[in-house]
């Protein structure tokens, strides 16, 4: 019984990926803070890469190709997040808050 819990298979990775995806989706839907939304989008991207790696290992029986693609996707995602944080910093300098509702309702 315990051995079945200790052997980590593809289903464990997919469940973890699904939980991360739902956590990120909840952060995007519920949050009004733009920085929290960007970080939630990064969590969603990490969950997608995790499921991609699980399927890559399952179909190919090696992680060589899946690892290269996973690293490439994560690198692009990190760069995207850095650019978004810089843009949010400029928005914060202009408005002194990152609340999406206040920025949307602000009249210029």
C-alpha atoms as a PDB file:
ATOM      1  CA  UNK A   1       0.000   0.000   0.000  1.00  0.00           C
ATOM      2  CA  UNK A   2       2.740   2.452   0.967  1.00  0.00           C
ATOM      3  CA  UNK A   3       4.772   1.542  -2.138  1.00  0.00           C
ATOM      4  CA  UNK A   4       1.954   2.740  -4.385  1.00  0.00           C
ATOM      5  CA  UNK A   5       2.129   6.172  -2.737  1.00  0.00           C
ATOM      6  CA  UNK A   6       5.920   6.342  -2.955  1.00  0.00           C
ATOM      7  CA  UNK A   7       6.117   5.498  -6.663  1.00  0.00           C
ATOM      8  CA  UNK A   8       5.616   8.816  -8.383  1.00  0.00           C
ATOM      9  CA  UNK A   9       4.029   8.455 -11.777  1.00  0.00           C
ATOM     10  CA  UNK A  10       2.686  10.712 -14.482  1.00  0.00           C
ATOM     11  CA  UNK A  11      -0.677  11.076 -12.750  1.00  0.00           C
ATOM     12  CA  UNK A  12       0.981  12.658  -9.702  1.00  0.00           C
ATOM     13  CA  UNK A  13       2.624  15.291 -11.897  1.00  0.00           C
ATOM     14  CA  UNK A  14      -0.619  15.981 -13.727  1.00  0.00           C
ATOM     15  CA  UNK A  15      -2.544  16.374 -10.466  1.00  0.00           C
ATOM     16  CA  UNK A  16       0.122  18.782  -9.178  1.00  0.00           C
ATOM     17  CA  UNK A  17      -0.019  20.671 -12.473  1.00  0.00           C
ATOM     18  CA  UNK A  18      -3.809  20.881 -12.276  1.00  0.00           C
ATOM     19  CA  UNK A  19      -3.678  22.198  -8.698  1.00  0.00           C
ATOM     20  CA  UNK A  20      -1.096  24.825  -9.703  1.00  0.00           C
ATOM     21  CA  UNK A  21      -3.215  25.795 -12.701  1.00  0.00           C
ATOM     22  CA  UNK A  22      -6.331  26.228 -10.556  1.00  0.00           C
ATOM     23  CA  UNK A  23      -4.366  28.248  -7.997  1.00  0.00           C
ATOM     24  CA  UNK A  24      -3.082  30.581 -10.712  1.00  0.00           C
ATOM     25  CA  UNK A  25      -6.515  30.858 -12.303  1.00  0.00           C
ATOM     26  CA  UNK A  26      -8.043  31.726  -8.939  1.00  0.00           C
ATOM     27  CA  UNK A  27      -5.373  34.397  -8.449  1.00  0.00           C
ATOM     28  CA  UNK A  28      -6.155  35.933 -11.839  1.00  0.00           C
ATOM     29  CA  UNK A  29      -9.925  35.899 -11.349  1.00  0.00           C
ATOM     30  CA  UNK A  30     -10.105  37.047  -7.721  1.00  0.00           C
ATOM     31  CA  UNK A  31      -7.236  39.512  -7.440  1.00  0.00           C
ATOM     32  CA  UNK A  32      -7.467  43.192  -8.320  1.00  0.00           C
ATOM     33  CA  UNK A  33      -3.764  43.882  -7.783  1.00  0.00           C
ATOM     34  CA  UNK A  34      -1.930  43.856 -11.123  1.00  0.00           C
ATOM     35  CA  UNK A  35       1.291  42.467  -9.664  1.00  0.00           C
ATOM     36  CA  UNK A  36      -0.584  39.531  -8.134  1.00  0.00           C
ATOM     37  CA  UNK A  37      -2.265  38.891 -11.501  1.00  0.00           C
ATOM     38  CA  UNK A  38       1.110  38.788 -13.272  1.00  0.00           C
ATOM     39  CA  UNK A  39       2.501  36.358 -10.694  1.00  0.00           C
ATOM     40  CA  UNK A  40      -0.603  34.186 -11.047  1.00  0.00           C
ATOM     41  CA  UNK A  41      -0.058  34.075 -14.800  1.00  0.00           C
ATOM     42  CA  UNK A  42       3.499  32.913 -14.140  1.00  0.00           C
ATOM     43  CA  UNK A  43       2.184  30.116 -11.899  1.00  0.00           C
ATOM     44  CA  UNK A  44      -0.163  29.070 -14.716  1.00  0.00           C
ATOM     45  CA  UNK A  45       2.801  28.956 -17.105  1.00  0.00           C
ATOM     46  CA  UNK A  46       4.801  26.816 -14.664  1.00  0.00           C
ATOM     47  CA  UNK A  47       1.897  24.377 -14.378  1.00  0.00           C
ATOM     48  CA  UNK A  48       1.692  24.092 -18.167  1.00  0.00           C
ATOM     49  CA  UNK A  49       5.432  23.401 -18.397  1.00  0.00           C
ATOM     50  CA  UNK A  50       5.128  20.764 -15.669  1.00  0.00           C
ATOM     51  CA  UNK A  51       2.381  18.943 -17.531  1.00  0.00           C
ATOM     52  CA  UNK A  52       4.385  19.247 -20.760  1.00  0.00           C
ATOM     53  CA  UNK A  53       7.399  17.644 -19.066  1.00  0.00           C
ATOM     54  CA  UNK A  54       5.253  14.845 -17.632  1.00  0.00           C
ATOM     55  CA  UNK A  55       3.803  14.027 -21.041  1.00  0.00           C
ATOM     56  CA  UNK A  56       7.240  14.315 -22.657  1.00  0.00           C
ATOM     57  CA  UNK A  57       8.737  11.831 -20.234  1.00  0.00           C
ATOM     58  CA  UNK A  58       5.758   9.493 -20.570  1.00  0.00           C
ATOM     59  CA  UNK A  59       5.725   9.450 -24.391  1.00  0.00           C
ATOM     60  CA  UNK A  60       9.476   9.503 -25.034  1.00  0.00           C
ATOM     61  CA  UNK A  61      10.721   7.625 -21.921  1.00  0.00           C
ATOM     62  CA  UNK A  62      13.430  10.266 -21.596  1.00  0.00           C
ATOM     63  CA  UNK A  63      13.488  13.860 -20.563  1.00  0.00           C
ATOM     64  CA  UNK A  64      16.032  15.120 -23.092  1.00  0.00           C
ATOM     65  CA  UNK A  65      13.728  16.816 -25.572  1.00  0.00           C
ATOM     66  CA  UNK A  66      11.145  17.767 -22.953  1.00  0.00           C
ATOM     67  CA  UNK A  67      13.792  19.378 -20.741  1.00  0.00           C
ATOM     68  CA  UNK A  68      15.109  21.535 -23.576  1.00  0.00           C
ATOM     69  CA  UNK A  69      11.618  22.725 -24.470  1.00  0.00           C
ATOM     70  CA  UNK A  70      10.708  23.221 -20.796  1.00  0.00           C
ATOM     71  CA  UNK A  71      13.774  25.355 -20.139  1.00  0.00           C
ATOM     72  CA  UNK A  72      13.085  27.377 -23.293  1.00  0.00           C
ATOM     73  CA  UNK A  73       9.442  27.991 -22.318  1.00  0.00           C
ATOM     74  CA  UNK A  74      10.379  28.927 -18.734  1.00  0.00           C
ATOM     75  CA  UNK A  75      13.066  31.306 -19.990  1.00  0.00           C
ATOM     76  CA  UNK A  76      10.562  33.060 -22.245  1.00  0.00           C
ATOM     77  CA  UNK A  77       8.063  33.175 -19.362  1.00  0.00           C
ATOM     78  CA  UNK A  78      10.588  34.681 -16.949  1.00  0.00           C
ATOM     79  CA  UNK A  79      11.503  37.353 -19.484  1.00  0.00           C
ATOM     80  CA  UNK A  80       7.818  38.090 -20.044  1.00  0.00           C
ATOM     81  CA  UNK A  81       7.269  38.415 -16.291  1.00  0.00           C
ATOM     82  CA  UNK A  82      10.257  40.754 -15.917  1.00  0.00           C
ATOM     83  CA  UNK A  83       8.932  43.000 -18.678  1.00  0.00           C
ATOM     84  CA  UNK A  84       5.470  43.000 -17.082  1.00  0.00           C
ATOM     85  CA  UNK A  85       6.932  43.951 -13.686  1.00  0.00           C
ATOM     86  CA  UNK A  86       8.845  46.853 -15.262  1.00  0.00           C
ATOM     87  CA  UNK A  87       5.631  48.057 -16.920  1.00  0.00           C
ATOM     88  CA  UNK A  88       3.791  47.722 -13.598  1.00  0.00           C
ATOM     89  CA  UNK A  89       6.526  49.739 -11.907  1.00  0.00           C
ATOM     90  CA  UNK A  90       5.978  52.550 -14.406  1.00  0.00           C
ATOM     91  CA  UNK A  91       2.209  52.357 -13.798  1.00  0.00           C
ATOM     92  CA  UNK A  92       2.860  52.522 -10.047  1.00  0.00           C
ATOM     93  CA  UNK A  93       5.067  55.590 -10.493  1.00  0.00           C
ATOM     94  CA  UNK A  94       2.307  57.340 -12.440  1.00  0.00           C
ATOM     95  CA  UNK A  95      -0.662  56.357 -10.239  1.00  0.00           C
ATOM     96  CA  UNK A  96       0.842  55.302  -6.878  1.00  0.00           C
ATOM     97  CA  UNK A  97      -1.372  52.180  -6.798  1.00  0.00           C
ATOM     98  CA  UNK A  98      -1.742  48.928  -8.743  1.00  0.00           C
ATOM     99  CA  UNK A  99      -5.465  48.341  -8.249  1.00  0.00           C
ATOM    100  CA  UNK A 100      -6.951  47.347 -11.611  1.00  0.00           C
ATOM    101  CA  UNK A 101     -10.390  48.821 -10.825  1.00  0.00           C
ATOM    102  CA  UNK A 102      -8.962  52.210  -9.821  1.00  0.00           C
ATOM    103  CA  UNK A 103      -6.773  52.371 -12.911  1.00  0.00           C
ATOM    104  CA  UNK A 104      -9.693  51.403 -15.165  1.00  0.00           C
ATOM    105  CA  UNK A 105     -12.017  54.015 -13.626  1.00  0.00           C
ATOM    106  CA  UNK A 106      -9.402  56.777 -13.556  1.00  0.00           C
ATOM    107  CA  UNK A 107     -10.276  59.713 -15.776  1.00  0.00           C
ATOM    108  CA  UNK A 108      -7.420  61.460 -17.539  1.00  0.00           C
END
